[in-house]
Amino acid sequence: MCNCGNKRSQYSNQTMTLSKSVVSDEITKQMWPDVKFEYTGLTTLTIIGSVTRKKYRFHHPNDVQVIDYRDASGMMGVGVLKKVKS
């Protein structure tokens, strides 16, 4: 098998780097704004976002929390949470 002058090993040893400004811009960019939800239950509630895996804690009835827009659709299925219109 031809090694073609070690070009394969040279290619596999190359690394690619991204500048920090490109990476940080991609991380902080949001497609939509976050959403507020109000808790209508009687005790406390801790719920984990289905996408971000972030924990959201509602401490008392009528407690309002800002929910990441990526987790908002999953929160709509929780009976004791209602979306707050801004």
C-alpha atoms as a PDB file:
ATOM      1  CA  MET A   1       0.000   0.000   0.000  1.00  0.00           C
ATOM      2  CA  CYS A   2       1.322   3.397  -0.965  1.00  0.00           C
ATOM      3  CA  ASN A   3       1.993   5.832   1.858  1.00  0.00           C
ATOM      4  CA  CYS A   4       2.386   8.757  -0.550  1.00  0.00           C
ATOM      5  CA  GLY A   5       5.183  10.330   1.414  1.00  0.00           C
ATOM      6  CA  ASN A   6       3.475  10.213   4.844  1.00  0.00           C
ATOM      7  CA  LYS A   7       0.757  12.677   3.787  1.00  0.00           C
ATOM      8  CA  ARG A   8      -1.930  10.667   5.573  1.00  0.00           C
ATOM      9  CA  SER A   9      -0.199  10.918   8.956  1.00  0.00           C
ATOM     10  CA  GLN A  10       0.556  14.612   8.384  1.00  0.00           C
ATOM     11  CA  TYR A  11      -3.123  15.238   7.635  1.00  0.00           C
ATOM     12  CA  SER A  12      -4.373  13.350  10.690  1.00  0.00           C
ATOM     13  CA  ASN A  13      -2.010  15.263  12.995  1.00  0.00           C
ATOM     14  CA  GLN A  14      -3.350  18.674  11.964  1.00  0.00           C
ATOM     15  CA  THR A  15      -5.567  20.482  14.423  1.00  0.00           C
ATOM     16  CA  MET A  16      -8.196  23.077  13.745  1.00  0.00           C
ATOM     17  CA  THR A  17      -8.769  25.995  16.081  1.00  0.00           C
ATOM     18  CA  LEU A  18     -11.561  28.542  16.269  1.00  0.00           C
ATOM     19  CA  SER A  19     -11.091  32.025  17.562  1.00  0.00           C
ATOM     20  CA  LYS A  20     -12.738  32.750  20.907  1.00  0.00           C
ATOM     21  CA  SER A  21     -14.937  35.473  19.421  1.00  0.00           C
ATOM     22  CA  VAL A  22     -16.536  33.033  16.961  1.00  0.00           C
ATOM     23  CA  VAL A  23     -17.223  30.457  19.671  1.00  0.00           C
ATOM     24  CA  SER A  24     -18.626  32.939  22.208  1.00  0.00           C
ATOM     25  CA  ASP A  25     -20.903  34.542  19.587  1.00  0.00           C
ATOM     26  CA  GLU A  26     -22.403  31.158  18.729  1.00  0.00           C
ATOM     27  CA  ILE A  27     -22.970  30.248  22.377  1.00  0.00           C
ATOM     28  CA  THR A  28     -24.679  33.495  23.363  1.00  0.00           C
ATOM     29  CA  LYS A  29     -26.906  33.768  20.291  1.00  0.00           C
ATOM     30  CA  GLN A  30     -30.562  32.986  21.064  1.00  0.00           C
ATOM     31  CA  MET A  31     -33.189  32.294  18.469  1.00  0.00           C
ATOM     32  CA  TRP A  32     -36.106  33.438  20.670  1.00  0.00           C
ATOM     33  CA  PRO A  33     -36.489  35.192  24.011  1.00  0.00           C
ATOM     34  CA  ASP A  34     -36.877  33.191  27.219  1.00  0.00           C
ATOM     35  CA  VAL A  35     -40.401  32.626  28.535  1.00  0.00           C
ATOM     36  CA  LYS A  36     -41.964  33.301  31.944  1.00  0.00           C
ATOM     37  CA  PHE A  37     -44.105  30.639  33.603  1.00  0.00           C
ATOM     38  CA  GLU A  38     -46.278  30.955  36.710  1.00  0.00           C
ATOM     39  CA  TYR A  39     -46.766  28.088  39.146  1.00  0.00           C
ATOM     40  CA  THR A  40     -50.421  27.484  40.073  1.00  0.00           C
ATOM     41  CA  GLY A  41     -49.933  24.493  42.417  1.00  0.00           C
ATOM     42  CA  LEU A  42     -50.156  24.440  46.195  1.00  0.00           C
ATOM     43  CA  THR A  43     -46.666  23.398  47.341  1.00  0.00           C
ATOM     44  CA  THR A  44     -43.186  23.691  45.836  1.00  0.00           C
ATOM     45  CA  LEU A  45     -42.176  22.273  42.457  1.00  0.00           C
ATOM     46  CA  THR A  46     -38.797  21.413  40.997  1.00  0.00           C
ATOM     47  CA  ILE A  47     -38.751  20.551  37.325  1.00  0.00           C
ATOM     48  CA  ILE A  48     -35.860  19.767  34.985  1.00  0.00           C
ATOM     49  CA  GLY A  49     -35.792  21.283  31.503  1.00  0.00           C
ATOM     50  CA  SER A  50     -36.125  18.666  28.786  1.00  0.00           C
ATOM     51  CA  VAL A  51     -33.489  20.266  26.535  1.00  0.00           C
ATOM     52  CA  THR A  52     -31.068  22.166  28.784  1.00  0.00           C
ATOM     53  CA  ARG A  53     -31.404  19.801  31.792  1.00  0.00           C
ATOM     54  CA  LYS A  54     -31.501  22.946  33.975  1.00  0.00           C
ATOM     55  CA  LYS A  55     -33.414  22.736  37.277  1.00  0.00           C
ATOM     56  CA  TYR A  56     -36.257  25.215  37.739  1.00  0.00           C
ATOM     57  CA  ARG A  57     -37.567  25.658  41.278  1.00  0.00           C
ATOM     58  CA  PHE A  58     -40.971  27.182  42.036  1.00  0.00           C
ATOM     59  CA  HIS A  59     -41.044  27.943  45.768  1.00  0.00           C
ATOM     60  CA  HIS A  60     -44.693  28.873  46.343  1.00  0.00           C
ATOM     61  CA  PRO A  61     -48.025  29.348  44.537  1.00  0.00           C
ATOM     62  CA  ASN A  62     -47.966  32.181  41.965  1.00  0.00           C
ATOM     63  CA  ASP A  63     -44.140  32.028  41.788  1.00  0.00           C
ATOM     64  CA  VAL A  64     -42.906  33.182  38.365  1.00  0.00           C
ATOM     65  CA  GLN A  65     -39.698  31.828  36.822  1.00  0.00           C
ATOM     66  CA  VAL A  66     -37.927  32.648  33.565  1.00  0.00           C
ATOM     67  CA  ILE A  67     -37.620  29.461  31.519  1.00  0.00           C
ATOM     68  CA  ASP A  68     -35.092  28.979  28.731  1.00  0.00           C
ATOM     69  CA  TYR A  69     -36.931  29.157  25.400  1.00  0.00           C
ATOM     70  CA  ARG A  70     -35.633  25.679  24.511  1.00  0.00           C
ATOM     71  CA  ASP A  71     -37.375  24.182  27.573  1.00  0.00           C
ATOM     72  CA  ALA A  72     -40.608  26.166  27.181  1.00  0.00           C
ATOM     73  CA  SER A  73     -42.467  23.683  24.975  1.00  0.00           C
ATOM     74  CA  GLY A  74     -41.965  20.926  27.544  1.00  0.00           C
ATOM     75  CA  MET A  75     -43.250  23.192  30.318  1.00  0.00           C
ATOM     76  CA  MET A  76     -46.495  23.725  28.422  1.00  0.00           C
ATOM     77  CA  GLY A  77     -47.401  20.095  29.194  1.00  0.00           C
ATOM     78  CA  VAL A  78     -47.131  20.567  32.958  1.00  0.00           C
ATOM     79  CA  GLY A  79     -50.635  21.120  34.316  1.00  0.00           C
ATOM     80  CA  VAL A  80     -49.652  23.398  37.200  1.00  0.00           C
ATOM     81  CA  LEU A  81     -47.602  25.784  35.055  1.00  0.00           C
ATOM     82  CA  LYS A  82     -49.057  28.492  32.864  1.00  0.00           C
ATOM     83  CA  LYS A  83     -47.269  30.780  30.448  1.00  0.00           C
ATOM     84  CA  VAL A  84     -47.224  34.424  31.510  1.00  0.00           C
ATOM     85  CA  LYS A  85     -48.031  36.801  28.667  1.00  0.00           C
ATOM     86  CA  SER A  86     -45.587  39.688  28.564  1.00  0.00           C
END
